[in-house]
C-alpha cells in the first residue's frame, strides 16, 4: 500500500510550515550526498529559508570553484 497524494500548496500554519521545511531540507541534503557518493558526481546545493537563512552542501571542498564554473 502506497502513500496518498498530497496537494502541493503553501502551508498556512507557520509551525507546520517550519517543521515541513526542516524535514524536506534534511531529505534533500541526504539525497544530494547520496547522489555524490553513488554516482561520483560533483553536487552543490544551496537552499534559502523564508527567513533568508542559507543552507548549503558541496560534495567537494572546492565549492567556490564549482559555483564559479556556472
C-alpha atoms as a PDB file:
ATOM      1  CA  UNK A   1       0.000   0.000   0.000  1.00  0.00           C
ATOM      2  CA  UNK A   2       1.466   3.335  -1.091  1.00  0.00           C
ATOM      3  CA  UNK A   3       1.207   6.774   0.366  1.00  0.00           C
ATOM      4  CA  UNK A   4      -1.630   9.067  -0.586  1.00  0.00           C
ATOM      5  CA  UNK A   5      -1.087  12.061  -2.843  1.00  0.00           C
ATOM      6  CA  UNK A   6      -0.875  15.485  -1.277  1.00  0.00           C
ATOM      7  CA  UNK A   7      -1.819  18.808  -2.773  1.00  0.00           C
ATOM      8  CA  UNK A   8       1.266  20.964  -3.276  1.00  0.00           C
ATOM      9  CA  UNK A   9       0.390  24.395  -1.933  1.00  0.00           C
ATOM     10  CA  UNK A  10       1.637  26.785   0.732  1.00  0.00           C
ATOM     11  CA  UNK A  11       1.114  25.565   4.294  1.00  0.00           C
ATOM     12  CA  UNK A  12      -0.858  28.183   6.214  1.00  0.00           C
ATOM     13  CA  UNK A  13       0.193  27.182   9.736  1.00  0.00           C
ATOM     14  CA  UNK A  14       3.664  28.671  10.343  1.00  0.00           C
ATOM     15  CA  UNK A  15       4.718  25.946  12.813  1.00  0.00           C
ATOM     16  CA  UNK A  16       3.726  23.156  10.433  1.00  0.00           C
ATOM     17  CA  UNK A  17       5.417  25.002   7.565  1.00  0.00           C
ATOM     18  CA  UNK A  18       8.703  25.241   9.519  1.00  0.00           C
ATOM     19  CA  UNK A  19       8.585  21.556  10.505  1.00  0.00           C
ATOM     20  CA  UNK A  20       7.899  20.539   6.898  1.00  0.00           C
ATOM     21  CA  UNK A  21      10.717  22.768   5.644  1.00  0.00           C
ATOM     22  CA  UNK A  22      13.188  21.216   8.104  1.00  0.00           C
ATOM     23  CA  UNK A  23      12.215  17.649   7.219  1.00  0.00           C
ATOM     24  CA  UNK A  24      12.283  18.246   3.467  1.00  0.00           C
ATOM     25  CA  UNK A  25      15.559  20.206   3.697  1.00  0.00           C
ATOM     26  CA  UNK A  26      17.205  17.323   5.530  1.00  0.00           C
ATOM     27  CA  UNK A  27      15.837  14.841   2.992  1.00  0.00           C
ATOM     28  CA  UNK A  28      17.122  16.937   0.108  1.00  0.00           C
ATOM     29  CA  UNK A  29      20.580  17.265   1.680  1.00  0.00           C
ATOM     30  CA  UNK A  30      20.657  13.494   2.239  1.00  0.00           C
ATOM     31  CA  UNK A  31      19.738  12.824  -1.406  1.00  0.00           C
ATOM     32  CA  UNK A  32      22.432  15.227  -2.617  1.00  0.00           C
ATOM     33  CA  UNK A  33      25.021  13.427  -0.506  1.00  0.00           C
ATOM     34  CA  UNK A  34      23.868  10.012  -1.732  1.00  0.00           C
ATOM     35  CA  UNK A  35      23.990  11.171  -5.364  1.00  0.00           C
ATOM     36  CA  UNK A  36      27.551  12.416  -4.979  1.00  0.00           C
ATOM     37  CA  UNK A  37      28.687   9.175  -3.343  1.00  0.00           C
ATOM     38  CA  UNK A  38      26.854   6.672  -5.547  1.00  0.00           C
ATOM     39  CA  UNK A  39      27.493   8.363  -8.880  1.00  0.00           C
ATOM     40  CA  UNK A  40      30.826  10.038  -8.104  1.00  0.00           C
ATOM     41  CA  UNK A  41      29.270  13.337  -9.145  1.00  0.00           C
ATOM     42  CA  UNK A  42      30.117  16.844  -8.025  1.00  0.00           C
ATOM     43  CA  UNK A  43      26.989  18.090  -6.306  1.00  0.00           C
ATOM     44  CA  UNK A  44      26.303  21.562  -4.983  1.00  0.00           C
ATOM     45  CA  UNK A  45      23.074  22.534  -3.261  1.00  0.00           C
ATOM     46  CA  UNK A  46      22.015  25.949  -1.968  1.00  0.00           C
ATOM     47  CA  UNK A  47      18.791  26.465  -0.001  1.00  0.00           C
ATOM     48  CA  UNK A  48      17.453  29.732   1.381  1.00  0.00           C
ATOM     49  CA  UNK A  49      14.724  29.587   4.014  1.00  0.00           C
ATOM     50  CA  UNK A  50      11.833  32.042   4.098  1.00  0.00           C
ATOM     51  CA  UNK A  51      13.746  33.969   6.779  1.00  0.00           C
ATOM     52  CA  UNK A  52      16.772  34.245   4.485  1.00  0.00           C
ATOM     53  CA  UNK A  53      18.960  31.698   6.253  1.00  0.00           C
ATOM     54  CA  UNK A  54      21.391  29.866   3.977  1.00  0.00           C
ATOM     55  CA  UNK A  55      21.836  26.089   3.951  1.00  0.00           C
ATOM     56  CA  UNK A  56      24.366  24.579   1.583  1.00  0.00           C
ATOM     57  CA  UNK A  57      26.016  21.322   0.624  1.00  0.00           C
ATOM     58  CA  UNK A  58      29.029  20.714  -1.573  1.00  0.00           C
ATOM     59  CA  UNK A  59      30.403  17.281  -2.369  1.00  0.00           C
ATOM     60  CA  UNK A  60      33.915  18.654  -2.701  1.00  0.00           C
ATOM     61  CA  UNK A  61      35.840  21.114  -0.597  1.00  0.00           C
ATOM     62  CA  UNK A  62      36.157  23.298  -3.693  1.00  0.00           C
ATOM     63  CA  UNK A  63      32.546  24.506  -3.582  1.00  0.00           C
ATOM     64  CA  UNK A  64      33.503  28.046  -4.616  1.00  0.00           C
ATOM     65  CA  UNK A  65      35.292  26.676  -7.662  1.00  0.00           C
ATOM     66  CA  UNK A  66      32.238  24.575  -8.510  1.00  0.00           C
ATOM     67  CA  UNK A  67      29.978  27.644  -8.305  1.00  0.00           C
ATOM     68  CA  UNK A  68      32.269  29.753 -10.455  1.00  0.00           C
ATOM     69  CA  UNK A  69      32.031  27.133 -13.184  1.00  0.00           C
ATOM     70  CA  UNK A  70      28.380  28.044 -13.631  1.00  0.00           C
END
